[in-house]
Amino acid sequence: MTVRRRAEYCAFKMPTEPATSPPARDAAFESASGRIAQAPAVDGVPIIFFDGVCGLCNAWIDFVIKRDSDHVFRFGPLQGETARGRLNLATDSEFDSVALVDRTGTYWKSDAVWRILARLKGAWPLVGLLLRLIPRPIRNWGYDFVARRRYRWFGKKEACRLPSAQERERFVP
């Protein structure tokens, strides 16, 4: 993993001021399943969007990359141009959720997490299934509890995570 100062790499992706509002999502597209149906994955490959400056989010992406030996996923920061276009995020959006975009739709928070776990190697699909069995309001309450404290507990990076040479093809801008 290579890290560069924000000015060197992320200036075109990162807002200069902290975001203040939640991601703008069109309620007309949102269903009871927690998904938004308008954003298909690139070439059918699922994309995980994450907060690029969140220490926990970067650790989550490292966790997924290590266990995704079949290269099922692509990755992109929520602050990036691909996320803004596919997720219809406002310029001043607050990035408080991971998002998974696949051929069936866009999933947020704990729905994204269990779906990601279900596609990994090892025992992680079982963990995803167990997580899915927990009612969504309870899962999302736990997700929100951690998300509100993630910068305090895991830090907020001043620099963007740059993928290694082996990972670079799996990242979208």
C-alpha atoms as a PDB file:
ATOM      1  CA  MET A   1       0.000   0.000   0.000  1.00  0.00           C
ATOM      2  CA  THR A   2       1.376   3.372  -1.011  1.00  0.00           C
ATOM      3  CA  VAL A   3       0.200   6.617   0.540  1.00  0.00           C
ATOM      4  CA  ARG A   4       0.627  10.068  -0.948  1.00  0.00           C
ATOM      5  CA  ARG A   5      -0.427  13.433   0.287  1.00  0.00           C
ATOM      6  CA  ARG A   6      -3.929  14.437  -0.764  1.00  0.00           C
ATOM      7  CA  ALA A   7      -2.626  17.303  -2.892  1.00  0.00           C
ATOM      8  CA  GLU A   8      -0.569  14.867  -4.985  1.00  0.00           C
ATOM      9  CA  TYR A   9      -3.295  12.358  -5.772  1.00  0.00           C
ATOM     10  CA  CYS A  10      -6.721  13.093  -4.421  1.00  0.00           C
ATOM     11  CA  ALA A  11      -7.233  16.773  -5.052  1.00  0.00           C
ATOM     12  CA  PHE A  12      -9.490  15.968  -7.981  1.00  0.00           C
ATOM     13  CA  LYS A  13     -11.461  13.472  -5.889  1.00  0.00           C
ATOM     14  CA  MET A  14     -11.599  14.986  -2.447  1.00  0.00           C
ATOM     15  CA  PRO A  15     -13.590  17.974  -1.247  1.00  0.00           C
ATOM     16  CA  THR A  16     -11.393  20.520   0.509  1.00  0.00           C
ATOM     17  CA  GLU A  17     -13.878  20.959   3.342  1.00  0.00           C
ATOM     18  CA  PRO A  18     -15.500  18.122   5.309  1.00  0.00           C
ATOM     19  CA  ALA A  19     -18.825  17.043   3.886  1.00  0.00           C
ATOM     20  CA  THR A  20     -21.913  18.062   5.814  1.00  0.00           C
ATOM     21  CA  SER A  21     -24.964  16.306   4.373  1.00  0.00           C
ATOM     22  CA  PRO A  22     -25.860  12.635   3.856  1.00  0.00           C
ATOM     23  CA  PRO A  23     -25.611  11.066   0.421  1.00  0.00           C
ATOM     24  CA  ALA A  24     -28.424  12.282  -1.773  1.00  0.00           C
ATOM     25  CA  ARG A  25     -30.505   9.273  -2.718  1.00  0.00           C
ATOM     26  CA  ASP A  26     -33.700   9.403  -4.679  1.00  0.00           C
ATOM     27  CA  ALA A  27     -36.349   7.796  -2.475  1.00  0.00           C
ATOM     28  CA  ALA A  28     -38.324   6.817  -5.572  1.00  0.00           C
ATOM     29  CA  PHE A  29     -35.636   4.255  -6.407  1.00  0.00           C
ATOM     30  CA  GLU A  30     -35.229   2.887  -2.899  1.00  0.00           C
ATOM     31  CA  SER A  31     -37.147  -0.248  -2.030  1.00  0.00           C
ATOM     32  CA  ALA A  32     -37.866  -2.095   1.179  1.00  0.00           C
ATOM     33  CA  SER A  33     -34.840  -4.270   0.410  1.00  0.00           C
ATOM     34  CA  GLY A  34     -32.477  -1.320   1.030  1.00  0.00           C
ATOM     35  CA  ARG A  35     -31.351  -1.073  -2.563  1.00  0.00           C
ATOM     36  CA  ILE A  36     -31.506   1.484  -5.316  1.00  0.00           C
ATOM     37  CA  ALA A  37     -31.988  -0.076  -8.714  1.00  0.00           C
ATOM     38  CA  GLN A  38     -30.592   2.555 -11.101  1.00  0.00           C
ATOM     39  CA  ALA A  39     -26.811   2.016 -10.866  1.00  0.00           C
ATOM     40  CA  PRO A  40     -25.577  -1.172 -12.569  1.00  0.00           C
ATOM     41  CA  ALA A  41     -22.028  -2.367 -12.019  1.00  0.00           C
ATOM     42  CA  VAL A  42     -19.325  -1.699 -14.589  1.00  0.00           C
ATOM     43  CA  ASP A  43     -19.339  -4.605 -17.069  1.00  0.00           C
ATOM     44  CA  GLY A  44     -21.261  -6.665 -14.513  1.00  0.00           C
ATOM     45  CA  VAL A  45     -18.387  -6.464 -11.998  1.00  0.00           C
ATOM     46  CA  PRO A  46     -19.545  -5.418  -8.512  1.00  0.00           C
ATOM     47  CA  ILE A  47     -18.034  -2.182  -7.195  1.00  0.00           C
ATOM     48  CA  ILE A  48     -17.526  -1.401  -3.519  1.00  0.00           C
ATOM     49  CA  PHE A  49     -17.559   2.344  -2.795  1.00  0.00           C
ATOM     50  CA  PHE A  50     -16.003   3.431   0.503  1.00  0.00           C
ATOM     51  CA  ASP A  51     -14.985   6.578   2.377  1.00  0.00           C
ATOM     52  CA  GLY A  52     -11.462   7.133   1.043  1.00  0.00           C
ATOM     53  CA  VAL A  53     -10.137   8.929   4.116  1.00  0.00           C
ATOM     54  CA  CYS A  54     -11.673   6.678   6.808  1.00  0.00           C
ATOM     55  CA  GLY A  55      -9.222   4.403   8.602  1.00  0.00           C
ATOM     56  CA  LEU A  56     -11.873   1.733   9.229  1.00  0.00           C
ATOM     57  CA  CYS A  57     -13.087   1.862   5.629  1.00  0.00           C
ATOM     58  CA  ASN A  58      -9.563   1.440   4.281  1.00  0.00           C
ATOM     59  CA  ALA A  59      -9.009  -1.508   6.633  1.00  0.00           C
ATOM     60  CA  TRP A  60     -12.296  -3.016   5.360  1.00  0.00           C
ATOM     61  CA  ILE A  61     -11.105  -2.691   1.749  1.00  0.00           C
ATOM     62  CA  ASP A  62      -7.758  -4.300   2.652  1.00  0.00           C
ATOM     63  CA  PHE A  63      -9.715  -7.127   4.345  1.00  0.00           C
ATOM     64  CA  VAL A  64     -11.860  -7.675   1.231  1.00  0.00           C
ATOM     65  CA  ILE A  65      -8.914  -7.519  -1.198  1.00  0.00           C
ATOM     66  CA  LYS A  66      -7.007 -10.119   0.816  1.00  0.00           C
ATOM     67  CA  ARG A  67      -9.981 -12.523   0.704  1.00  0.00           C
ATOM     68  CA  ASP A  68     -11.141 -11.779  -2.850  1.00  0.00           C
ATOM     69  CA  SER A  69      -8.650 -14.013  -4.658  1.00  0.00           C
ATOM     70  CA  ASP A  70     -11.011 -14.422  -7.630  1.00  0.00           C
ATOM     71  CA  HIS A  71     -11.050 -10.622  -8.126  1.00  0.00           C
ATOM     72  CA  VAL A  72     -14.833 -10.452  -7.909  1.00  0.00           C
ATOM     73  CA  PHE A  73     -14.885  -6.819  -6.793  1.00  0.00           C
ATOM     74  CA  ARG A  74     -13.691  -3.443  -7.986  1.00  0.00           C
ATOM     75  CA  PHE A  75     -13.219  -0.594  -5.522  1.00  0.00           C
ATOM     76  CA  GLY A  76     -13.655   3.163  -5.529  1.00  0.00           C
ATOM     77  CA  PRO A  77     -13.754   6.019  -3.045  1.00  0.00           C
ATOM     78  CA  LEU A  78     -17.129   7.656  -2.418  1.00  0.00           C
ATOM     79  CA  GLN A  79     -15.323  10.932  -3.042  1.00  0.00           C
ATOM     80  CA  GLY A  80     -14.362   9.831  -6.568  1.00  0.00           C
ATOM     81  CA  GLU A  81     -15.941  10.735  -9.877  1.00  0.00           C
ATOM     82  CA  THR A  82     -17.267   7.206 -10.490  1.00  0.00           C
ATOM     83  CA  ALA A  83     -19.148   7.153  -7.178  1.00  0.00           C
ATOM     84  CA  ARG A  84     -20.543  10.645  -7.714  1.00  0.00           C
ATOM     85  CA  GLY A  85     -21.849   9.640 -11.132  1.00  0.00           C
ATOM     86  CA  ARG A  86     -23.208   6.190 -10.299  1.00  0.00           C
ATOM     87  CA  LEU A  87     -24.633   7.002  -6.876  1.00  0.00           C
ATOM     88  CA  ASN A  88     -25.907  10.521  -7.668  1.00  0.00           C
ATOM     89  CA  LEU A  89     -24.005  11.983  -4.718  1.00  0.00           C
ATOM     90  CA  ALA A  90     -24.152  15.701  -4.066  1.00  0.00           C
ATOM     91  CA  THR A  91     -20.845  17.585  -3.998  1.00  0.00           C
ATOM     92  CA  ASP A  92     -21.153  18.213  -0.255  1.00  0.00           C
ATOM     93  CA  SER A  93     -22.315  14.688   0.671  1.00  0.00           C
ATOM     94  CA  GLU A  94     -21.284  13.143   3.956  1.00  0.00           C
ATOM     95  CA  PHE A  95     -19.764   9.719   3.466  1.00  0.00           C
ATOM     96  CA  ASP A  96     -21.164   7.570   6.237  1.00  0.00           C
ATOM     97  CA  SER A  97     -21.838   4.296   4.429  1.00  0.00           C
ATOM     98  CA  VAL A  98     -20.198   1.679   2.310  1.00  0.00           C
ATOM     99  CA  ALA A  99     -22.058   1.028  -0.939  1.00  0.00           C
ATOM    100  CA  LEU A 100     -22.094  -2.046  -3.147  1.00  0.00           C
ATOM    101  CA  VAL A 101     -23.178  -1.689  -6.760  1.00  0.00           C
ATOM    102  CA  ASP A 102     -23.806  -4.949  -8.588  1.00  0.00           C
ATOM    103  CA  ARG A 103     -26.022  -6.183 -11.410  1.00  0.00           C
ATOM    104  CA  THR A 104     -29.051  -6.323  -9.104  1.00  0.00           C
ATOM    105  CA  GLY A 105     -28.791  -2.774  -7.748  1.00  0.00           C
ATOM    106  CA  THR A 106     -27.107  -0.560  -5.188  1.00  0.00           C
ATOM    107  CA  TYR A 107     -26.912  -1.602  -1.542  1.00  0.00           C
ATOM    108  CA  TRP A 108     -25.958   0.530   1.458  1.00  0.00           C
ATOM    109  CA  LYS A 109     -24.806  -0.035   5.022  1.00  0.00           C
ATOM    110  CA  SER A 110     -25.287  -3.532   6.448  1.00  0.00           C
ATOM    111  CA  ASP A 111     -26.991  -4.774   3.278  1.00  0.00           C
ATOM    112  CA  ALA A 112     -23.773  -4.026   1.406  1.00  0.00           C
ATOM    113  CA  VAL A 113     -21.635  -5.646   4.113  1.00  0.00           C
ATOM    114  CA  TRP A 114     -23.437  -9.007   4.200  1.00  0.00           C
ATOM    115  CA  ARG A 115     -23.576  -9.156   0.389  1.00  0.00           C
ATOM    116  CA  ILE A 116     -19.821  -8.514   0.201  1.00  0.00           C
ATOM    117  CA  LEU A 117     -19.081 -11.157   2.841  1.00  0.00           C
ATOM    118  CA  ALA A 118     -21.251 -13.648   0.951  1.00  0.00           C
ATOM    119  CA  ARG A 119     -18.902 -13.409  -2.077  1.00  0.00           C
ATOM    120  CA  LEU A 120     -15.609 -13.884  -0.240  1.00  0.00           C
ATOM    121  CA  LYS A 121     -13.613 -17.083   0.243  1.00  0.00           C
ATOM    122  CA  GLY A 122     -13.485 -19.183   3.395  1.00  0.00           C
ATOM    123  CA  ALA A 123     -16.069 -18.997   6.156  1.00  0.00           C
ATOM    124  CA  TRP A 124     -17.047 -15.413   5.296  1.00  0.00           C
ATOM    125  CA  PRO A 125     -20.154 -16.377   3.297  1.00  0.00           C
ATOM    126  CA  LEU A 126     -21.475 -18.076   6.438  1.00  0.00           C
ATOM    127  CA  VAL A 127     -20.770 -14.902   8.442  1.00  0.00           C
ATOM    128  CA  GLY A 128     -22.636 -12.927   5.762  1.00  0.00           C
ATOM    129  CA  LEU A 129     -25.601 -15.289   6.017  1.00  0.00           C
ATOM    130  CA  LEU A 130     -25.669 -14.978   9.807  1.00  0.00           C
ATOM    131  CA  LEU A 131     -25.508 -11.194   9.514  1.00  0.00           C
ATOM    132  CA  ARG A 132     -28.377 -11.252   7.037  1.00  0.00           C
ATOM    133  CA  LEU A 133     -30.539 -13.149   9.542  1.00  0.00           C
ATOM    134  CA  ILE A 134     -30.399 -10.166  11.909  1.00  0.00           C
ATOM    135  CA  PRO A 135     -33.291  -7.798  11.124  1.00  0.00           C
ATOM    136  CA  ARG A 136     -32.172  -4.829   8.990  1.00  0.00           C
ATOM    137  CA  PRO A 137     -33.150  -2.133  11.537  1.00  0.00           C
ATOM    138  CA  ILE A 138     -30.936  -3.778  14.151  1.00  0.00           C
ATOM    139  CA  ARG A 139     -28.068  -4.345  11.677  1.00  0.00           C
ATOM    140  CA  ASN A 140     -28.233  -0.751  10.484  1.00  0.00           C
ATOM    141  CA  TRP A 141     -28.431   0.579  14.039  1.00  0.00           C
ATOM    142  CA  GLY A 142     -25.138  -1.204  14.771  1.00  0.00           C
ATOM    143  CA  TYR A 143     -23.682   0.011  11.482  1.00  0.00           C
ATOM    144  CA  ASP A 144     -24.697   3.614  12.208  1.00  0.00           C
ATOM    145  CA  PHE A 145     -23.356   3.376  15.772  1.00  0.00           C
ATOM    146  CA  VAL A 146     -19.883   2.497  14.471  1.00  0.00           C
ATOM    147  CA  ALA A 147     -20.106   4.864  11.460  1.00  0.00           C
ATOM    148  CA  ARG A 148     -20.755   7.874  13.703  1.00  0.00           C
ATOM    149  CA  ARG A 149     -17.619   7.106  15.718  1.00  0.00           C
ATOM    150  CA  ARG A 150     -15.328   5.697  13.018  1.00  0.00           C
ATOM    151  CA  TYR A 151     -13.078   8.754  12.706  1.00  0.00           C
ATOM    152  CA  ARG A 152     -12.677   8.989  16.471  1.00  0.00           C
ATOM    153  CA  TRP A 153     -11.960   5.259  16.874  1.00  0.00           C
ATOM    154  CA  PHE A 154     -10.011   4.495  13.688  1.00  0.00           C
ATOM    155  CA  GLY A 155      -8.803   7.895  12.525  1.00  0.00           C
ATOM    156  CA  LYS A 156      -9.313  10.076   9.506  1.00  0.00           C
ATOM    157  CA  LYS A 157      -6.461   9.967   7.048  1.00  0.00           C
ATOM    158  CA  GLU A 158      -4.974  13.120   5.615  1.00  0.00           C
ATOM    159  CA  ALA A 159      -3.787  11.113   2.644  1.00  0.00           C
ATOM    160  CA  CYS A 160      -5.565   8.827   0.230  1.00  0.00           C
ATOM    161  CA  ARG A 161      -4.919   5.147   0.004  1.00  0.00           C
ATOM    162  CA  LEU A 162      -3.228   4.362  -3.276  1.00  0.00           C
ATOM    163  CA  PRO A 163      -3.578   0.828  -4.557  1.00  0.00           C
ATOM    164  CA  SER A 164      -0.457  -1.203  -5.111  1.00  0.00           C
ATOM    165  CA  ALA A 165       0.581  -2.074  -8.662  1.00  0.00           C
ATOM    166  CA  GLN A 166      -1.227  -5.425  -8.331  1.00  0.00           C
ATOM    167  CA  GLU A 167      -4.411  -3.753  -7.032  1.00  0.00           C
ATOM    168  CA  ARG A 168      -4.484  -0.775  -9.401  1.00  0.00           C
ATOM    169  CA  GLU A 169      -6.576  -2.461 -12.114  1.00  0.00           C
ATOM    170  CA  ARG A 170      -9.274  -3.202  -9.529  1.00  0.00           C
ATOM    171  CA  PHE A 171      -9.808   0.443  -8.554  1.00  0.00           C
ATOM    172  CA  VAL A 172     -12.061   2.959 -10.315  1.00  0.00           C
ATOM    173  CA  PRO A 173     -11.502   6.733 -10.117  1.00  0.00           C
END
